[in-house]
Amino acid sequence: MEVEDIFGNLPTLETERLLLRKVTLHDLEDIYHYGSNEEVSRYVTWDTHHTLSDTKEYVDFVLNRYENKRVAPWGIEYKGNGKLIGTIDFVSWQTGHRTAEIGYVISSDYWGKGIATEVANEVIKFGFQQMDLVRIQAKCFEKNIGSARVMEKVGMSYEGTIRKGMVVKGEHQDLKLHSILKEEFFSNQHLKLESGIKL
């Protein structure tokens, strides 16, 4: 399995409330809406968007990755209103080791509604079913309690803290590392089905 096999034509995914699709230039205003919010950009590696041109630069970067069949994000569209409310992607993929790492950002307007959990669960399932992965991990700043909670809700296990693992915006950040294995994910899915929990 090679990167081009999946990201040569990024497939659209769908959950109960969300559509995961390619980002387009039509999404500029929606991305700027959350990208310019300092609460949203506090725990991510990118800087707060100060102008629409900052957002345009990001969208151009994403479109270039689509064009060159590189690992690139899905835009998260909320089906209830058609707005793009965030992105999720495999920020890295080691095809030889069959491992990958996910990252996500959600507009603060939709925090606390289980959106990140819903979309992460779908992308993890895609990774194990379609990308032949055996392990998927995620990292977050130690202070990002909300993101760590999402990782736990999708069944990831906390593996430890990578002390001063990354310099972000001029400061070293401690990173909490979580992961899930393929067999763990599908065992959890099976248990949820047996207990009648909606997936």
Protein backbone atom coordinates (compact mmCIF):
# COMPACT_ATOMS: atom_id res chain seq x y z
CA MET A 1 0.00 0.00 0.00
CA GLU A 2 1.48 3.33 -1.10
CA VAL A 3 0.46 6.92 -0.34
CA GLU A 4 -0.68 7.44 -3.95
CA ASP A 5 -3.10 4.52 -3.65
CA ILE A 6 -5.17 6.45 -1.10
CA PHE A 7 -4.33 10.10 -1.59
CA GLY A 8 -4.16 10.07 -5.38
CA ASN A 9 -7.90 10.66 -5.19
CA LEU A 10 -8.95 11.31 -1.60
CA PRO A 11 -12.21 9.43 -0.99
CA THR A 12 -15.22 11.09 0.62
CA LEU A 13 -16.25 9.58 3.95
CA GLU A 14 -19.54 10.06 5.76
CA THR A 15 -20.82 9.76 9.33
CA GLU A 16 -24.24 10.45 10.80
CA ARG A 17 -23.63 14.21 11.05
CA LEU A 18 -20.54 14.83 8.96
CA LEU A 19 -19.13 14.66 5.46
CA LEU A 20 -15.36 14.23 5.14
CA ARG A 21 -14.30 15.60 1.77
CA LYS A 22 -11.60 17.54 -0.03
CA VAL A 23 -11.05 21.14 1.03
CA THR A 24 -11.86 23.67 -1.75
CA LEU A 25 -11.43 27.41 -2.29
CA HIS A 26 -15.14 27.76 -1.48
CA ASP A 27 -14.24 26.89 2.12
CA LEU A 28 -12.07 29.98 2.68
CA GLU A 29 -14.56 31.91 4.82
CA ASP A 30 -15.45 28.89 6.95
CA ILE A 31 -11.78 28.01 7.59
CA TYR A 32 -10.95 31.63 8.38
CA HIS A 33 -13.83 31.69 10.87
CA TYR A 34 -12.23 29.06 13.08
CA GLY A 35 -8.61 29.61 12.03
CA SER A 36 -8.73 33.22 13.25
CA ASN A 37 -9.98 32.14 16.69
CA GLU A 38 -7.13 32.15 19.20
CA GLU A 39 -8.92 29.55 21.33
CA VAL A 40 -8.83 27.15 18.38
CA SER A 41 -5.19 27.83 17.46
CA ARG A 42 -3.89 27.71 21.04
CA TYR A 43 -2.97 24.02 21.01
CA VAL A 44 -1.98 23.51 17.37
CA THR A 45 1.29 23.95 15.49
CA TRP A 46 0.01 26.64 13.11
CA ASP A 47 -0.39 30.34 13.85
CA THR A 48 -3.72 32.12 14.23
CA HIS A 49 -5.01 33.36 10.87
CA HIS A 50 -4.98 37.17 10.93
CA THR A 51 -6.24 37.80 7.40
CA LEU A 52 -8.09 35.88 4.73
CA SER A 53 -4.79 35.68 2.82
CA ASP A 54 -3.39 33.53 5.67
CA THR A 55 -6.26 31.11 5.09
CA LYS A 56 -5.78 31.25 1.31
CA GLU A 57 -2.13 30.28 1.79
CA TYR A 58 -3.22 27.24 3.82
CA VAL A 59 -5.86 26.19 1.29
CA ASP A 60 -3.37 26.54 -1.57
CA PHE A 61 -0.97 24.31 0.37
CA VAL A 62 -3.69 21.66 0.80
CA LEU A 63 -4.75 21.82 -2.86
CA ASN A 64 -1.11 21.36 -3.88
CA ARG A 65 -0.89 18.23 -1.78
CA TYR A 66 -4.05 16.84 -3.40
CA GLU A 67 -2.59 17.57 -6.84
CA ASN A 68 0.70 15.86 -6.02
CA LYS A 69 -0.94 12.84 -4.40
CA ARG A 70 0.54 13.55 -0.99
CA VAL A 71 -0.96 12.91 2.45
CA ALA A 72 -3.55 15.68 2.86
CA PRO A 73 -6.50 16.57 5.10
CA TRP A 74 -10.17 15.91 4.82
CA GLY A 75 -12.38 18.93 5.35
CA ILE A 76 -15.10 18.26 7.92
CA GLU A 77 -18.46 19.47 6.62
CA TYR A 78 -21.39 19.65 9.03
CA LYS A 79 -24.31 18.20 7.09
CA GLY A 80 -26.84 20.24 9.05
CA ASN A 81 -25.73 23.53 7.47
CA GLY A 82 -23.08 22.69 4.86
CA LYS A 83 -20.33 24.59 6.69
CA LEU A 84 -16.74 23.39 6.89
CA ILE A 85 -16.06 23.17 10.63
CA GLY A 86 -12.56 21.69 10.76
CA THR A 87 -10.09 19.27 9.24
CA ILE A 88 -8.68 15.86 10.07
CA ASP A 89 -5.81 14.02 8.47
CA PHE A 90 -3.03 11.51 8.77
CA VAL A 91 -0.22 13.89 9.62
CA SER A 92 2.25 11.09 8.94
CA TRP A 93 2.12 7.62 7.43
CA GLN A 94 4.98 5.11 7.56
CA THR A 95 3.85 2.67 4.88
CA GLY A 96 6.70 0.23 5.52
CA HIS A 97 5.78 -0.05 9.19
CA ARG A 98 2.01 0.17 8.56
CA THR A 99 1.68 2.90 11.17
CA ALA A 100 0.26 6.42 10.99
CA GLU A 101 -0.62 9.42 13.11
CA ILE A 102 -3.82 11.46 13.00
CA GLY A 103 -4.40 15.12 13.81
CA TYR A 104 -7.57 17.20 13.86
CA VAL A 105 -8.95 20.66 14.53
CA ILE A 106 -12.59 21.61 15.12
CA SER A 107 -14.27 25.01 15.18
CA SER A 108 -15.00 26.08 18.77
CA ASP A 109 -18.65 26.55 17.73
CA TYR A 110 -18.88 22.76 17.68
CA TRP A 111 -16.86 21.84 20.76
CA GLY A 112 -18.54 19.61 23.32
CA LYS A 113 -20.81 17.92 20.77
CA GLY A 114 -18.79 14.75 20.14
CA ILE A 115 -17.79 15.93 16.65
CA ALA A 116 -14.07 15.23 17.03
CA THR A 117 -14.78 11.77 18.44
CA GLU A 118 -17.18 10.97 15.60
CA VAL A 119 -14.78 12.05 12.88
CA ALA A 120 -11.68 10.51 14.47
CA ASN A 121 -13.47 7.19 14.82
CA GLU A 122 -14.33 7.21 11.10
CA VAL A 123 -10.80 8.08 9.99
CA ILE A 124 -9.27 5.45 12.29
CA LYS A 125 -11.64 2.85 10.84
CA PHE A 126 -10.63 3.95 7.33
CA GLY A 127 -6.96 3.64 8.25
CA PHE A 128 -7.31 0.08 9.48
CA GLN A 129 -9.70 -1.10 6.76
CA GLN A 130 -8.38 0.71 3.68
CA MET A 131 -4.75 1.64 4.44
CA ASP A 132 -3.75 -1.71 5.96
CA LEU A 133 -2.47 -0.03 9.13
CA VAL A 134 -1.73 -1.97 12.30
CA ARG A 135 -1.22 1.02 14.61
CA ILE A 136 -2.59 4.57 14.68
CA GLN A 137 -1.38 7.16 17.14
CA ALA A 138 -2.11 10.76 18.03
CA LYS A 139 -0.29 13.41 20.04
CA CYS A 140 -1.50 16.54 21.78
CA PHE A 141 -0.02 19.26 23.95
CA GLU A 142 -0.08 18.19 27.58
CA LYS A 143 -2.46 21.05 28.43
CA ASN A 144 -4.94 20.13 25.70
CA ILE A 145 -7.33 18.17 27.90
CA GLY A 146 -10.11 18.14 25.31
CA SER A 147 -7.99 16.50 22.62
CA ALA A 148 -6.66 13.88 25.04
CA ARG A 149 -10.25 13.06 25.99
CA VAL A 150 -11.12 12.50 22.32
CA MET A 151 -8.23 10.04 22.01
CA GLU A 152 -9.51 8.13 25.01
CA LYS A 153 -13.09 8.09 23.68
CA VAL A 154 -12.02 6.44 20.42
CA GLY A 155 -10.28 3.71 22.41
CA MET A 156 -6.70 4.91 22.32
CA SER A 157 -4.37 4.09 25.19
CA TYR A 158 -2.11 6.67 26.81
CA GLU A 159 1.48 5.58 26.27
CA GLY A 160 3.33 8.40 27.97
CA THR A 161 4.45 12.01 27.70
CA ILE A 162 7.19 13.03 25.30
CA ARG A 163 8.90 15.72 27.34
CA LYS A 164 9.78 18.85 25.37
CA GLY A 165 9.03 16.86 22.25
CA MET A 166 8.37 19.79 19.93
CA VAL A 167 9.11 23.49 19.65
CA VAL A 168 5.85 25.29 18.81
CA LYS A 169 5.59 29.07 18.57
CA GLY A 170 8.96 29.46 20.25
CA GLU A 171 8.28 27.20 23.23
CA HIS A 172 9.05 23.56 23.94
CA GLN A 173 5.88 21.55 24.41
CA ASP A 174 5.37 18.31 26.32
CA LEU A 175 3.30 15.96 24.16
CA LYS A 176 0.90 13.27 25.36
CA LEU A 177 1.06 10.19 23.16
CA HIS A 178 -1.92 7.87 22.62
CA SER A 179 -2.32 4.92 20.28
CA ILE A 180 -4.65 2.13 19.23
CA LEU A 181 -3.93 -1.17 17.47
CA LYS A 182 -6.09 -2.66 14.74
CA GLU A 183 -7.25 -5.61 16.85
CA GLU A 184 -8.14 -3.30 19.75
CA PHE A 185 -10.22 -1.02 17.54
CA PHE A 186 -12.32 -3.79 16.03
CA SER A 187 -12.71 -5.52 19.38
CA ASN A 188 -14.08 -2.24 20.77
CA GLN A 189 -16.42 -1.90 17.77
CA HIS A 190 -17.71 -5.41 18.34
CA LEU A 191 -18.35 -4.74 22.02
CA LYS A 192 -20.24 -1.54 21.18
CA LEU A 193 -22.44 -3.40 18.71
CA GLU A 194 -23.18 -6.11 21.27
CA SER A 195 -24.14 -3.53 23.89
CA GLY A 196 -26.31 -1.58 21.47
CA ILE A 197 -24.14 1.55 21.51
CA LYS A 198 -24.46 3.57 18.32
CA LEU A 199 -21.17 3.64 16.42
